[in-house]
């Protein structure tokens, strides 16, 4: 766990799903996902999913899981299992309530995700930037990566989307 100004990232659990769902509906109203998709991702990759709390209240979350490079998972999908040929940590979603923004929490999260990725022998982090957030992700070391036709089709449910990659922090 890391702490920034009274807020602390901790591993997400099934008990957090209702708060994750509540925050997702606030932050991503145009990208709805069912609570069971969040629950499954937490169950499939418990070491890579986090919530940020003030001790009592969840103020944000990060959903990430092992995936394949140049492959964009479908939104609101149940996977059943993670790919055996996973080589990257796909950062599915990072959502912070306004009261948890601009506090250095994303930097702390990326350190946690890097450590988890190293533990899983993965190569990079990837994500699909939405809502014009590409510039924000540039500040954290992510870079745009080309999308082939298959990826463009996969990303159709995300709206305007940019595929991005970043190396993990050094160990």
C-alpha atoms as a PDB file:
ATOM      1  CA  UNK A   1       0.000   0.000   0.000  1.00  0.00           C
ATOM      2  CA  UNK A   2       1.100   3.528  -0.695  1.00  0.00           C
ATOM      3  CA  UNK A   3      -0.336   6.698   0.798  1.00  0.00           C
ATOM      4  CA  UNK A   4      -0.692  10.147  -0.743  1.00  0.00           C
ATOM      5  CA  UNK A   5      -2.295  12.966   1.273  1.00  0.00           C
ATOM      6  CA  UNK A   6      -4.502  10.679   3.309  1.00  0.00           C
ATOM      7  CA  UNK A   7      -5.475   8.526   0.327  1.00  0.00           C
ATOM      8  CA  UNK A   8      -4.089   5.035   0.000  1.00  0.00           C
ATOM      9  CA  UNK A   9      -4.092   2.513  -2.854  1.00  0.00           C
ATOM     10  CA  UNK A  10      -4.890  -1.026  -1.783  1.00  0.00           C
ATOM     11  CA  UNK A  11      -5.766  -4.249  -3.563  1.00  0.00           C
ATOM     12  CA  UNK A  12      -9.337  -4.305  -4.829  1.00  0.00           C
ATOM     13  CA  UNK A  13     -11.583  -7.084  -3.559  1.00  0.00           C
ATOM     14  CA  UNK A  14     -15.008  -8.386  -4.448  1.00  0.00           C
ATOM     15  CA  UNK A  15     -16.384  -6.271  -1.590  1.00  0.00           C
ATOM     16  CA  UNK A  16     -15.310  -3.140  -3.533  1.00  0.00           C
ATOM     17  CA  UNK A  17     -17.293  -3.932  -6.679  1.00  0.00           C
ATOM     18  CA  UNK A  18     -20.368  -1.888  -5.718  1.00  0.00           C
ATOM     19  CA  UNK A  19     -18.200   1.216  -5.130  1.00  0.00           C
ATOM     20  CA  UNK A  20     -16.233   0.587  -8.338  1.00  0.00           C
ATOM     21  CA  UNK A  21     -19.540   0.329 -10.205  1.00  0.00           C
ATOM     22  CA  UNK A  22     -20.829   3.543  -8.584  1.00  0.00           C
ATOM     23  CA  UNK A  23     -17.688   5.469  -9.568  1.00  0.00           C
ATOM     24  CA  UNK A  24     -17.672   3.993 -13.079  1.00  0.00           C
ATOM     25  CA  UNK A  25     -21.216   5.267 -13.636  1.00  0.00           C
ATOM     26  CA  UNK A  26     -20.115   8.766 -12.611  1.00  0.00           C
ATOM     27  CA  UNK A  27     -16.839   8.876 -14.559  1.00  0.00           C
ATOM     28  CA  UNK A  28     -17.752   6.751 -17.592  1.00  0.00           C
ATOM     29  CA  UNK A  29     -21.491   7.161 -18.225  1.00  0.00           C
ATOM     30  CA  UNK A  30     -20.983   6.565 -21.961  1.00  0.00           C
ATOM     31  CA  UNK A  31     -18.958   3.357 -21.432  1.00  0.00           C
ATOM     32  CA  UNK A  32     -21.219   1.254 -19.212  1.00  0.00           C
ATOM     33  CA  UNK A  33     -20.003  -2.030 -17.778  1.00  0.00           C
ATOM     34  CA  UNK A  34     -21.839  -4.467 -15.535  1.00  0.00           C
ATOM     35  CA  UNK A  35     -20.639  -5.024 -11.969  1.00  0.00           C
ATOM     36  CA  UNK A  36     -19.979  -8.684 -12.750  1.00  0.00           C
ATOM     37  CA  UNK A  37     -17.338  -7.714 -15.322  1.00  0.00           C
ATOM     38  CA  UNK A  38     -15.464  -5.766 -12.657  1.00  0.00           C
ATOM     39  CA  UNK A  39     -15.831  -8.665 -10.216  1.00  0.00           C
ATOM     40  CA  UNK A  40     -14.469 -11.138 -12.735  1.00  0.00           C
ATOM     41  CA  UNK A  41     -11.426  -9.018 -13.566  1.00  0.00           C
ATOM     42  CA  UNK A  42     -10.630  -8.665  -9.867  1.00  0.00           C
ATOM     43  CA  UNK A  43     -11.024 -12.427  -9.368  1.00  0.00           C
ATOM     44  CA  UNK A  44      -8.888 -13.293 -12.420  1.00  0.00           C
ATOM     45  CA  UNK A  45      -6.019 -10.934 -11.540  1.00  0.00           C
ATOM     46  CA  UNK A  46      -6.142 -10.000  -7.871  1.00  0.00           C
ATOM     47  CA  UNK A  47      -2.606  -8.548  -7.832  1.00  0.00           C
ATOM     48  CA  UNK A  48      -3.273  -5.931 -10.538  1.00  0.00           C
ATOM     49  CA  UNK A  49      -6.527  -4.272  -9.458  1.00  0.00           C
ATOM     50  CA  UNK A  50      -6.642  -1.463  -6.917  1.00  0.00           C
ATOM     51  CA  UNK A  51      -8.918   1.004  -5.171  1.00  0.00           C
ATOM     52  CA  UNK A  52      -7.855   4.268  -3.583  1.00  0.00           C
ATOM     53  CA  UNK A  53      -9.426   5.052  -0.211  1.00  0.00           C
ATOM     54  CA  UNK A  54      -9.402   7.751   2.410  1.00  0.00           C
ATOM     55  CA  UNK A  55      -9.669   5.097   5.116  1.00  0.00           C
ATOM     56  CA  UNK A  56     -13.418   4.868   4.846  1.00  0.00           C
ATOM     57  CA  UNK A  57     -14.548   5.745   1.323  1.00  0.00           C
ATOM     58  CA  UNK A  58     -13.399   4.480  -2.071  1.00  0.00           C
ATOM     59  CA  UNK A  59     -12.458   7.518  -4.148  1.00  0.00           C
ATOM     60  CA  UNK A  60     -11.195   5.775  -7.268  1.00  0.00           C
ATOM     61  CA  UNK A  61     -10.094   2.519  -8.800  1.00  0.00           C
ATOM     62  CA  UNK A  62      -7.799   0.909 -11.342  1.00  0.00           C
ATOM     63  CA  UNK A  63      -8.673  -2.243 -13.246  1.00  0.00           C
ATOM     64  CA  UNK A  64      -5.770  -3.943 -15.038  1.00  0.00           C
ATOM     65  CA  UNK A  65      -4.985  -7.496 -16.086  1.00  0.00           C
ATOM     66  CA  UNK A  66      -2.555  -9.546 -18.176  1.00  0.00           C
ATOM     67  CA  UNK A  67      -3.391  -9.404 -21.878  1.00  0.00           C
ATOM     68  CA  UNK A  68      -1.849  -9.627 -25.345  1.00  0.00           C
ATOM     69  CA  UNK A  69       0.053  -6.865 -27.139  1.00  0.00           C
ATOM     70  CA  UNK A  70      -1.883  -5.304 -30.027  1.00  0.00           C
ATOM     71  CA  UNK A  71      -5.160  -6.718 -28.743  1.00  0.00           C
ATOM     72  CA  UNK A  72      -7.927  -4.627 -27.211  1.00  0.00           C
ATOM     73  CA  UNK A  73     -10.358  -6.426 -24.905  1.00  0.00           C
ATOM     74  CA  UNK A  74     -14.039  -5.858 -25.535  1.00  0.00           C
ATOM     75  CA  UNK A  75     -15.791  -3.609 -23.021  1.00  0.00           C
ATOM     76  CA  UNK A  76     -18.288  -5.164 -20.609  1.00  0.00           C
ATOM     77  CA  UNK A  77     -17.130  -8.674 -21.496  1.00  0.00           C
ATOM     78  CA  UNK A  78     -16.745 -11.682 -19.256  1.00  0.00           C
ATOM     79  CA  UNK A  79     -13.535 -13.508 -20.160  1.00  0.00           C
ATOM     80  CA  UNK A  80     -13.782 -16.764 -18.229  1.00  0.00           C
ATOM     81  CA  UNK A  81      -9.975 -16.834 -18.120  1.00  0.00           C
ATOM     82  CA  UNK A  82      -7.026 -14.648 -19.039  1.00  0.00           C
ATOM     83  CA  UNK A  83      -4.997 -15.408 -22.171  1.00  0.00           C
ATOM     84  CA  UNK A  84      -2.202 -17.922 -21.601  1.00  0.00           C
ATOM     85  CA  UNK A  85      -0.042 -15.955 -24.053  1.00  0.00           C
ATOM     86  CA  UNK A  86      -0.406 -12.656 -22.161  1.00  0.00           C
ATOM     87  CA  UNK A  87       2.658 -10.437 -22.539  1.00  0.00           C
ATOM     88  CA  UNK A  88       1.427  -7.034 -21.320  1.00  0.00           C
ATOM     89  CA  UNK A  89      -0.580  -5.553 -18.492  1.00  0.00           C
ATOM     90  CA  UNK A  90      -3.666  -3.968 -20.040  1.00  0.00           C
ATOM     91  CA  UNK A  91      -4.809  -0.976 -17.998  1.00  0.00           C
ATOM     92  CA  UNK A  92      -8.532  -1.351 -18.588  1.00  0.00           C
ATOM     93  CA  UNK A  93      -9.663   1.612 -16.548  1.00  0.00           C
ATOM     94  CA  UNK A  94      -8.415   4.213 -14.096  1.00  0.00           C
ATOM     95  CA  UNK A  95     -11.170   6.338 -12.588  1.00  0.00           C
ATOM     96  CA  UNK A  96     -10.691   8.931  -9.870  1.00  0.00           C
ATOM     97  CA  UNK A  97     -13.419  11.073  -8.389  1.00  0.00           C
ATOM     98  CA  UNK A  98     -12.625  14.814  -8.654  1.00  0.00           C
ATOM     99  CA  UNK A  99     -11.643  14.911  -4.959  1.00  0.00           C
ATOM    100  CA  UNK A 100      -8.868  12.380  -5.658  1.00  0.00           C
ATOM    101  CA  UNK A 101      -7.343  14.061  -8.711  1.00  0.00           C
ATOM    102  CA  UNK A 102      -4.105  16.056  -8.963  1.00  0.00           C
ATOM    103  CA  UNK A 103      -2.654  14.438  -5.848  1.00  0.00           C
ATOM    104  CA  UNK A 104       0.019  12.255  -7.453  1.00  0.00           C
ATOM    105  CA  UNK A 105      -2.109   9.130  -7.216  1.00  0.00           C
ATOM    106  CA  UNK A 106      -1.581   8.076 -10.840  1.00  0.00           C
ATOM    107  CA  UNK A 107       2.200   8.089 -10.360  1.00  0.00           C
ATOM    108  CA  UNK A 108       1.770   5.903  -7.266  1.00  0.00           C
ATOM    109  CA  UNK A 109      -0.576   3.604  -9.160  1.00  0.00           C
ATOM    110  CA  UNK A 110       1.860   3.183 -12.048  1.00  0.00           C
ATOM    111  CA  UNK A 111       4.560   2.125  -9.568  1.00  0.00           C
ATOM    112  CA  UNK A 112       2.186  -0.506  -8.175  1.00  0.00           C
ATOM    113  CA  UNK A 113       1.256  -1.691 -11.670  1.00  0.00           C
ATOM    114  CA  UNK A 114       4.919  -1.839 -12.701  1.00  0.00           C
ATOM    115  CA  UNK A 115       5.763  -3.979  -9.682  1.00  0.00           C
ATOM    116  CA  UNK A 116       2.813  -6.275 -10.392  1.00  0.00           C
ATOM    117  CA  UNK A 117       3.796  -6.529 -14.061  1.00  0.00           C
ATOM    118  CA  UNK A 118       7.363  -7.470 -13.169  1.00  0.00           C
ATOM    119  CA  UNK A 119       6.045 -10.166 -10.811  1.00  0.00           C
ATOM    120  CA  UNK A 120       3.958 -11.586 -13.659  1.00  0.00           C
ATOM    121  CA  UNK A 121       6.900 -11.492 -16.140  1.00  0.00           C
ATOM    122  CA  UNK A 122       5.052  -9.131 -18.469  1.00  0.00           C
ATOM    123  CA  UNK A 123       6.767  -6.714 -20.857  1.00  0.00           C
ATOM    124  CA  UNK A 124       4.800  -3.461 -20.930  1.00  0.00           C
ATOM    125  CA  UNK A 125       1.599  -1.718 -19.931  1.00  0.00           C
ATOM    126  CA  UNK A 126      -0.959  -0.931 -22.606  1.00  0.00           C
ATOM    127  CA  UNK A 127      -4.202   1.002 -22.535  1.00  0.00           C
ATOM    128  CA  UNK A 128      -6.847   2.502 -24.741  1.00  0.00           C
ATOM    129  CA  UNK A 129      -7.091   6.222 -24.020  1.00  0.00           C
ATOM    130  CA  UNK A 130     -10.653   7.571 -24.224  1.00  0.00           C
ATOM    131  CA  UNK A 131     -12.337  10.974 -23.832  1.00  0.00           C
ATOM    132  CA  UNK A 132      -9.279  12.713 -25.259  1.00  0.00           C
ATOM    133  CA  UNK A 133      -7.108  11.553 -22.340  1.00  0.00           C
ATOM    134  CA  UNK A 134      -4.142  10.742 -24.597  1.00  0.00           C
ATOM    135  CA  UNK A 135      -2.301  13.927 -23.566  1.00  0.00           C
ATOM    136  CA  UNK A 136      -2.664  13.081 -19.882  1.00  0.00           C
ATOM    137  CA  UNK A 137      -1.231   9.601 -20.468  1.00  0.00           C
ATOM    138  CA  UNK A 138       1.744  11.132 -22.355  1.00  0.00           C
ATOM    139  CA  UNK A 139       2.744  12.813 -19.077  1.00  0.00           C
ATOM    140  CA  UNK A 140       3.042   9.361 -17.491  1.00  0.00           C
ATOM    141  CA  UNK A 141       5.296   7.935 -20.191  1.00  0.00           C
ATOM    142  CA  UNK A 142       2.717   6.264 -22.416  1.00  0.00           C
ATOM    143  CA  UNK A 143       3.188   6.594 -26.171  1.00  0.00           C
ATOM    144  CA  UNK A 144       0.758   6.168 -29.023  1.00  0.00           C
ATOM    145  CA  UNK A 145       1.032   2.844 -30.824  1.00  0.00           C
ATOM    146  CA  UNK A 146      -0.404   2.119 -34.266  1.00  0.00           C
ATOM    147  CA  UNK A 147      -3.721   0.300 -34.468  1.00  0.00           C
ATOM    148  CA  UNK A 148      -4.223  -2.300 -37.170  1.00  0.00           C
ATOM    149  CA  UNK A 149      -7.684  -2.990 -38.641  1.00  0.00           C
ATOM    150  CA  UNK A 150      -8.413  -5.742 -36.100  1.00  0.00           C
ATOM    151  CA  UNK A 151      -7.620  -3.368 -33.223  1.00  0.00           C
ATOM    152  CA  UNK A 152      -9.766  -0.592 -34.711  1.00  0.00           C
ATOM    153  CA  UNK A 153     -12.692  -3.027 -34.827  1.00  0.00           C
ATOM    154  CA  UNK A 154     -11.992  -4.150 -31.240  1.00  0.00           C
ATOM    155  CA  UNK A 155     -11.883  -0.520 -30.041  1.00  0.00           C
ATOM    156  CA  UNK A 156     -15.167   0.453 -31.706  1.00  0.00           C
ATOM    157  CA  UNK A 157     -17.081   0.229 -28.406  1.00  0.00           C
ATOM    158  CA  UNK A 158     -14.658   2.655 -26.744  1.00  0.00           C
ATOM    159  CA  UNK A 159     -15.624   5.643 -28.903  1.00  0.00           C
ATOM    160  CA  UNK A 160     -12.672   7.824 -29.932  1.00  0.00           C
ATOM    161  CA  UNK A 161      -9.801   5.658 -28.735  1.00  0.00           C
ATOM    162  CA  UNK A 162      -6.018   5.736 -28.920  1.00  0.00           C
ATOM    163  CA  UNK A 163      -3.932   2.628 -28.188  1.00  0.00           C
ATOM    164  CA  UNK A 164      -0.902   3.421 -26.037  1.00  0.00           C
ATOM    165  CA  UNK A 165       2.035   1.525 -24.504  1.00  0.00           C
ATOM    166  CA  UNK A 166       4.601   2.147 -21.811  1.00  0.00           C
ATOM    167  CA  UNK A 167       7.515   0.194 -20.366  1.00  0.00           C
ATOM    168  CA  UNK A 168       7.360  -0.734 -16.696  1.00  0.00           C
ATOM    169  CA  UNK A 169       9.358   1.239 -14.160  1.00  0.00           C
ATOM    170  CA  UNK A 170      12.757  -0.346 -13.489  1.00  0.00           C
ATOM    171  CA  UNK A 171      12.784  -2.897 -10.685  1.00  0.00           C
END
